[in-house]
Amino acid sequence: MACRITELVLDCADPDKLADFWCGVLGYQVLDRDPDGIEIGRADQSPEDRITLVLSRSDDPKKQKLRLHLDVNATDRDQAAELERLLALGATRVDIGQASVRWYVLADPEGNEFCLLRRRVTP
């Protein structure tokens, strides 16, 4: 037997704000909410099949580049159009020393880095 990733947990100051952002980015819905955080994911998948994102309230400020980050790909448009959509949702471009690459390094509204890759994938 092996393990399977079922949740990714991201500490944040404002779970509501990040839930709005990441639901918009990923097409997720809020699945659970409590005073300490919010769990988002695809409601159309069974709990056994989905990977959720848990936005956990934390007062600790982000101090450096994340050692683990998310990579996303567009599902229904090209990379340039998806970049514009993500920027309109509140993402910002960041430079982490990536030089000239075929992806974009972005940050969510709390400064957590993620990458927009170039290929289109099925939803």
N, C-alpha and C. Protein backbone atom coordinates (compact mmCIF):
# COMPACT_ATOMS: atom_id res chain seq x y z
N MET A 1 0.84 -1.19 0.00
CA MET A 1 0.00 0.00 0.00
C MET A 1 0.88 1.25 0.00
N ALA A 2 0.32 2.29 -0.49
CA ALA A 2 1.02 3.57 -0.52
C ALA A 2 0.08 4.65 0.00
N CYS A 3 0.63 5.80 0.24
CA CYS A 3 -0.19 6.95 0.64
C CYS A 3 -0.65 7.69 -0.61
N ARG A 4 -1.66 8.54 -0.43
CA ARG A 4 -2.16 9.39 -1.51
C ARG A 4 -2.38 10.77 -0.94
N ILE A 5 -2.02 11.80 -1.67
CA ILE A 5 -2.26 13.17 -1.23
C ILE A 5 -3.76 13.43 -1.31
N THR A 6 -4.35 13.88 -0.21
CA THR A 6 -5.77 14.19 -0.18
C THR A 6 -6.03 15.67 0.08
N GLU A 7 -5.12 16.34 0.77
CA GLU A 7 -5.25 17.76 1.02
C GLU A 7 -3.89 18.43 0.91
N LEU A 8 -3.90 19.64 0.42
CA LEU A 8 -2.75 20.52 0.49
C LEU A 8 -3.15 21.64 1.44
N VAL A 9 -2.31 21.96 2.39
CA VAL A 9 -2.64 22.96 3.41
C VAL A 9 -1.75 24.18 3.20
N LEU A 10 -2.38 25.35 3.16
CA LEU A 10 -1.67 26.61 2.98
C LEU A 10 -2.02 27.51 4.15
N ASP A 11 -1.03 27.84 4.98
CA ASP A 11 -1.25 28.79 6.07
C ASP A 11 -1.45 30.18 5.47
N CYS A 12 -2.38 30.93 6.06
CA CYS A 12 -2.67 32.26 5.52
C CYS A 12 -3.29 33.14 6.60
N ALA A 13 -3.21 34.43 6.39
CA ALA A 13 -3.80 35.39 7.33
C ALA A 13 -5.30 35.54 7.13
N ASP A 14 -5.77 35.42 5.89
CA ASP A 14 -7.17 35.66 5.56
C ASP A 14 -7.72 34.52 4.70
N PRO A 15 -8.20 33.44 5.34
CA PRO A 15 -8.72 32.30 4.57
C PRO A 15 -9.85 32.67 3.62
N ASP A 16 -10.72 33.60 4.01
CA ASP A 16 -11.84 33.98 3.13
C ASP A 16 -11.32 34.60 1.83
N LYS A 17 -10.37 35.51 1.95
CA LYS A 17 -9.82 36.17 0.77
C LYS A 17 -9.12 35.16 -0.14
N LEU A 18 -8.33 34.28 0.45
CA LEU A 18 -7.64 33.30 -0.38
C LEU A 18 -8.58 32.25 -0.94
N ALA A 19 -9.63 31.90 -0.20
CA ALA A 19 -10.62 30.96 -0.74
C ALA A 19 -11.28 31.56 -1.98
N ASP A 20 -11.65 32.83 -1.92
CA ASP A 20 -12.23 33.49 -3.10
C ASP A 20 -11.26 33.44 -4.28
N PHE A 21 -9.99 33.76 -4.02
CA PHE A 21 -8.99 33.77 -5.09
C PHE A 21 -8.81 32.38 -5.68
N TRP A 22 -8.52 31.39 -4.84
CA TRP A 22 -8.22 30.05 -5.35
C TRP A 22 -9.45 29.36 -5.93
N CYS A 23 -10.65 29.64 -5.42
CA CYS A 23 -11.87 29.11 -6.05
C CYS A 23 -11.99 29.67 -7.47
N GLY A 24 -11.67 30.95 -7.64
CA GLY A 24 -11.71 31.56 -8.96
C GLY A 24 -10.66 30.98 -9.89
N VAL A 25 -9.46 30.74 -9.38
CA VAL A 25 -8.37 30.19 -10.19
C VAL A 25 -8.70 28.77 -10.63
N LEU A 26 -9.13 27.94 -9.68
CA LEU A 26 -9.26 26.50 -9.92
C LEU A 26 -10.67 26.02 -10.25
N GLY A 27 -11.67 26.92 -10.17
CA GLY A 27 -13.05 26.48 -10.37
C GLY A 27 -13.54 25.63 -9.23
N TYR A 28 -12.98 25.82 -8.04
CA TYR A 28 -13.37 25.06 -6.84
C TYR A 28 -14.52 25.74 -6.12
N GLN A 29 -15.11 25.01 -5.19
CA GLN A 29 -16.14 25.54 -4.32
C GLN A 29 -15.70 25.32 -2.86
N VAL A 30 -16.29 26.12 -1.97
CA VAL A 30 -16.05 25.91 -0.54
C VAL A 30 -16.76 24.63 -0.13
N LEU A 31 -16.01 23.71 0.45
CA LEU A 31 -16.56 22.43 0.90
C LEU A 31 -16.79 22.40 2.40
N ASP A 32 -15.98 23.14 3.15
CA ASP A 32 -16.10 23.16 4.60
C ASP A 32 -15.48 24.46 5.10
N ARG A 33 -16.03 24.93 6.21
CA ARG A 33 -15.55 26.18 6.79
C ARG A 33 -15.67 26.09 8.30
N ASP A 34 -14.64 26.52 9.01
CA ASP A 34 -14.70 26.65 10.46
C ASP A 34 -13.87 27.87 10.85
N PRO A 35 -13.84 28.24 12.12
CA PRO A 35 -13.11 29.46 12.51
C PRO A 35 -11.62 29.42 12.17
N ASP A 36 -11.05 28.23 12.03
CA ASP A 36 -9.62 28.12 11.77
C ASP A 36 -9.26 28.03 10.30
N GLY A 37 -10.25 27.88 9.41
CA GLY A 37 -9.90 27.79 8.01
C GLY A 37 -11.04 27.36 7.12
N ILE A 38 -10.69 27.21 5.85
CA ILE A 38 -11.67 26.87 4.81
C ILE A 38 -11.06 25.79 3.93
N GLU A 39 -11.87 24.78 3.60
CA GLU A 39 -11.45 23.74 2.67
C GLU A 39 -12.19 23.94 1.36
N ILE A 40 -11.44 23.97 0.26
CA ILE A 40 -12.04 24.14 -1.06
C ILE A 40 -11.66 22.95 -1.94
N GLY A 41 -12.52 22.66 -2.91
CA GLY A 41 -12.25 21.56 -3.82
C GLY A 41 -13.37 21.45 -4.84
N ARG A 42 -13.33 20.39 -5.61
CA ARG A 42 -14.35 20.14 -6.62
C ARG A 42 -15.49 19.36 -5.99
N ALA A 43 -16.63 20.00 -5.90
CA ALA A 43 -17.80 19.36 -5.31
C ALA A 43 -18.35 18.25 -6.19
N ASP A 44 -18.00 18.26 -7.48
CA ASP A 44 -18.50 17.23 -8.39
C ASP A 44 -17.69 15.94 -8.32
N GLN A 45 -16.67 15.90 -7.50
CA GLN A 45 -15.88 14.67 -7.32
C GLN A 45 -16.21 14.07 -5.97
N SER A 46 -16.14 12.77 -5.89
CA SER A 46 -16.38 12.12 -4.60
C SER A 46 -15.23 12.44 -3.67
N PRO A 47 -15.49 12.49 -2.36
CA PRO A 47 -14.42 12.78 -1.41
C PRO A 47 -13.23 11.84 -1.53
N GLU A 48 -13.47 10.61 -1.96
CA GLU A 48 -12.37 9.65 -2.11
C GLU A 48 -11.46 9.97 -3.29
N ASP A 49 -11.97 10.72 -4.27
CA ASP A 49 -11.22 10.97 -5.50
C ASP A 49 -10.59 12.36 -5.58
N ARG A 50 -10.98 13.28 -4.74
CA ARG A 50 -10.53 14.65 -4.91
C ARG A 50 -9.35 15.00 -4.01
N ILE A 51 -8.61 15.99 -4.46
CA ILE A 51 -7.58 16.63 -3.66
C ILE A 51 -8.11 18.02 -3.33
N THR A 52 -8.10 18.37 -2.06
CA THR A 52 -8.62 19.67 -1.65
C THR A 52 -7.48 20.58 -1.22
N LEU A 53 -7.79 21.87 -1.15
CA LEU A 53 -6.87 22.87 -0.65
C LEU A 53 -7.47 23.42 0.64
N VAL A 54 -6.71 23.29 1.72
CA VAL A 54 -7.16 23.78 3.03
C VAL A 54 -6.40 25.07 3.31
N LEU A 55 -7.15 26.15 3.51
CA LEU A 55 -6.58 27.46 3.80
C LEU A 55 -6.70 27.66 5.30
N SER A 56 -5.59 27.50 5.99
CA SER A 56 -5.55 27.45 7.44
C SER A 56 -5.10 28.79 8.02
N ARG A 57 -5.92 29.35 8.89
CA ARG A 57 -5.61 30.66 9.47
C ARG A 57 -4.32 30.58 10.30
N SER A 58 -3.44 31.55 10.06
CA SER A 58 -2.19 31.63 10.80
C SER A 58 -1.79 33.10 10.94
N ASP A 59 -1.29 33.44 12.11
CA ASP A 59 -0.80 34.80 12.34
C ASP A 59 0.67 34.94 11.96
N ASP A 60 1.32 33.85 11.65
CA ASP A 60 2.74 33.89 11.27
C ASP A 60 2.87 34.47 9.87
N PRO A 61 3.66 35.54 9.71
CA PRO A 61 3.81 36.13 8.37
C PRO A 61 4.68 35.25 7.47
N LYS A 62 4.41 35.33 6.17
CA LYS A 62 5.25 34.64 5.19
C LYS A 62 6.58 35.38 5.16
N LYS A 63 7.68 34.63 5.25
CA LYS A 63 8.99 35.27 5.36
C LYS A 63 9.88 35.05 4.15
N GLN A 64 9.65 34.01 3.38
CA GLN A 64 10.54 33.70 2.26
C GLN A 64 9.78 32.93 1.19
N LYS A 65 10.47 32.64 0.11
CA LYS A 65 9.90 31.85 -0.97
C LYS A 65 9.44 30.50 -0.42
N LEU A 66 8.28 30.05 -0.86
CA LEU A 66 7.77 28.75 -0.43
C LEU A 66 8.66 27.64 -0.96
N ARG A 67 8.85 26.62 -0.18
CA ARG A 67 9.64 25.47 -0.64
C ARG A 67 8.78 24.52 -1.47
N LEU A 68 7.48 24.61 -1.34
CA LEU A 68 6.54 23.84 -2.14
C LEU A 68 5.57 24.83 -2.75
N HIS A 69 5.33 24.71 -4.04
CA HIS A 69 4.38 25.62 -4.66
C HIS A 69 3.48 24.84 -5.61
N LEU A 70 2.41 25.47 -6.04
CA LEU A 70 1.48 24.87 -6.98
C LEU A 70 1.83 25.28 -8.40
N ASP A 71 1.67 24.36 -9.34
CA ASP A 71 1.75 24.65 -10.76
C ASP A 71 0.36 24.45 -11.33
N VAL A 72 -0.09 25.40 -12.16
CA VAL A 72 -1.41 25.29 -12.78
C VAL A 72 -1.25 25.40 -14.30
N ASN A 73 -2.20 24.80 -15.01
CA ASN A 73 -2.31 24.89 -16.46
C ASN A 73 -3.73 25.30 -16.80
N ALA A 74 -3.88 26.06 -17.85
CA ALA A 74 -5.22 26.45 -18.30
C ALA A 74 -5.98 25.24 -18.84
N THR A 75 -7.30 25.31 -18.75
CA THR A 75 -8.12 24.22 -19.29
C THR A 75 -8.89 24.63 -20.54
N ASP A 76 -9.16 25.90 -20.71
CA ASP A 76 -10.04 26.30 -21.81
C ASP A 76 -9.55 27.52 -22.59
N ARG A 77 -8.29 27.86 -22.45
CA ARG A 77 -7.73 29.02 -23.17
C ARG A 77 -6.22 28.86 -23.22
N ASP A 78 -5.57 29.70 -24.00
CA ASP A 78 -4.12 29.61 -24.08
C ASP A 78 -3.48 30.29 -22.86
N GLN A 79 -2.17 30.12 -22.76
CA GLN A 79 -1.46 30.61 -21.59
C GLN A 79 -1.59 32.13 -21.43
N ALA A 80 -1.50 32.88 -22.53
CA ALA A 80 -1.58 34.34 -22.45
C ALA A 80 -2.93 34.79 -21.92
N ALA A 81 -4.00 34.19 -22.41
CA ALA A 81 -5.34 34.55 -21.94
C ALA A 81 -5.52 34.15 -20.48
N GLU A 82 -4.98 33.00 -20.10
CA GLU A 82 -5.09 32.57 -18.70
C GLU A 82 -4.29 33.49 -17.78
N LEU A 83 -3.15 33.95 -18.22
CA LEU A 83 -2.37 34.90 -17.42
C LEU A 83 -3.19 36.14 -17.14
N GLU A 84 -3.83 36.67 -18.15
CA GLU A 84 -4.66 37.88 -17.96
C GLU A 84 -5.80 37.60 -16.97
N ARG A 85 -6.42 36.43 -17.06
CA ARG A 85 -7.50 36.08 -16.14
C ARG A 85 -6.98 36.00 -14.71
N LEU A 86 -5.83 35.38 -14.50
CA LEU A 86 -5.27 35.25 -13.16
C LEU A 86 -4.88 36.60 -12.59
N LEU A 87 -4.31 37.46 -13.41
CA LEU A 87 -3.97 38.81 -12.94
C LEU A 87 -5.22 39.58 -12.56
N ALA A 88 -6.30 39.42 -13.32
CA ALA A 88 -7.57 40.09 -13.00
C ALA A 88 -8.17 39.57 -11.69
N LEU A 89 -7.91 38.30 -11.36
CA LEU A 89 -8.40 37.74 -10.10
C LEU A 89 -7.61 38.23 -8.89
N GLY A 90 -6.43 38.80 -9.13
CA GLY A 90 -5.62 39.31 -8.02
C GLY A 90 -4.23 38.74 -7.92
N ALA A 91 -3.84 37.88 -8.86
CA ALA A 91 -2.46 37.38 -8.88
C ALA A 91 -1.53 38.52 -9.28
N THR A 92 -0.28 38.40 -8.86
CA THR A 92 0.75 39.35 -9.28
C THR A 92 1.93 38.57 -9.83
N ARG A 93 2.66 39.18 -10.75
CA ARG A 93 3.88 38.56 -11.27
C ARG A 93 4.98 38.74 -10.24
N VAL A 94 5.81 37.72 -10.10
CA VAL A 94 6.95 37.81 -9.19
C VAL A 94 8.21 37.31 -9.88
N ASP A 95 9.32 37.84 -9.44
CA ASP A 95 10.61 37.42 -9.95
C ASP A 95 11.35 36.71 -8.83
N ILE A 96 11.57 35.43 -9.00
CA ILE A 96 12.32 34.66 -8.00
C ILE A 96 13.65 34.22 -8.59
N GLY A 97 14.08 34.94 -9.63
CA GLY A 97 15.33 34.60 -10.29
C GLY A 97 15.17 33.55 -11.37
N GLN A 98 13.96 33.44 -11.95
CA GLN A 98 13.68 32.38 -12.91
C GLN A 98 14.27 32.64 -14.29
N ALA A 99 14.78 33.82 -14.56
CA ALA A 99 15.37 34.16 -15.86
C ALA A 99 14.34 33.99 -16.97
N SER A 100 14.75 33.52 -18.14
CA SER A 100 13.85 33.37 -19.27
C SER A 100 13.31 31.93 -19.31
N VAL A 101 12.03 31.79 -19.02
CA VAL A 101 11.39 30.48 -18.97
C VAL A 101 10.07 30.53 -19.72
N ARG A 102 9.47 29.35 -19.95
CA ARG A 102 8.21 29.27 -20.70
C ARG A 102 6.99 29.28 -19.79
N TRP A 103 7.15 29.58 -18.53
CA TRP A 103 6.04 29.67 -17.61
C TRP A 103 6.10 31.01 -16.90
N TYR A 104 5.03 31.34 -16.19
CA TYR A 104 4.97 32.58 -15.42
C TYR A 104 4.97 32.24 -13.94
N VAL A 105 5.79 32.93 -13.19
CA VAL A 105 5.77 32.82 -11.74
C VAL A 105 4.89 33.94 -11.23
N LEU A 106 3.89 33.54 -10.46
CA LEU A 106 2.90 34.48 -9.93
C LEU A 106 2.82 34.31 -8.42
N ALA A 107 2.10 35.23 -7.79
CA ALA A 107 1.82 35.11 -6.36
C ALA A 107 0.34 35.36 -6.14
N ASP A 108 -0.23 34.65 -5.16
CA ASP A 108 -1.62 34.89 -4.79
C ASP A 108 -1.68 36.17 -3.95
N PRO A 109 -2.87 36.61 -3.52
CA PRO A 109 -2.97 37.87 -2.78
C PRO A 109 -2.17 37.94 -1.48
N GLU A 110 -1.72 36.81 -0.93
CA GLU A 110 -0.88 36.84 0.27
C GLU A 110 0.59 36.60 -0.04
N GLY A 111 0.94 36.56 -1.33
CA GLY A 111 2.34 36.44 -1.70
C GLY A 111 2.84 35.02 -1.87
N ASN A 112 1.96 34.02 -1.84
CA ASN A 112 2.36 32.63 -2.03
C ASN A 112 2.57 32.36 -3.52
N GLU A 113 3.77 31.90 -3.87
CA GLU A 113 4.12 31.70 -5.26
C GLU A 113 3.41 30.49 -5.87
N PHE A 114 3.09 30.62 -7.15
CA PHE A 114 2.62 29.50 -7.96
C PHE A 114 3.00 29.78 -9.40
N CYS A 115 3.01 28.76 -10.22
CA CYS A 115 3.42 28.93 -11.61
C CYS A 115 2.27 28.61 -12.56
N LEU A 116 2.16 29.42 -13.58
CA LEU A 116 1.24 29.14 -14.69
C LEU A 116 2.07 28.53 -15.80
N LEU A 117 1.84 27.25 -16.05
CA LEU A 117 2.57 26.54 -17.09
C LEU A 117 1.92 26.77 -18.44
N ARG A 118 2.46 26.19 -19.48
CA ARG A 118 2.05 26.56 -20.83
C ARG A 118 1.04 25.67 -21.50
N ARG A 119 0.95 24.42 -21.12
CA ARG A 119 0.05 23.55 -21.88
C ARG A 119 -1.39 23.65 -21.38
N ARG A 120 -2.31 23.24 -22.22
CA ARG A 120 -3.72 23.21 -21.86
C ARG A 120 -4.06 21.79 -21.44
N VAL A 121 -4.81 21.63 -20.37
CA VAL A 121 -5.17 20.31 -19.85
C VAL A 121 -6.69 20.19 -19.77
N THR A 122 -7.17 18.96 -19.68
CA THR A 122 -8.60 18.76 -19.54
C THR A 122 -9.01 19.14 -18.11
N PRO A 123 -10.22 19.70 -17.98
CA PRO A 123 -10.68 20.14 -16.65
C PRO A 123 -10.80 18.98 -15.66
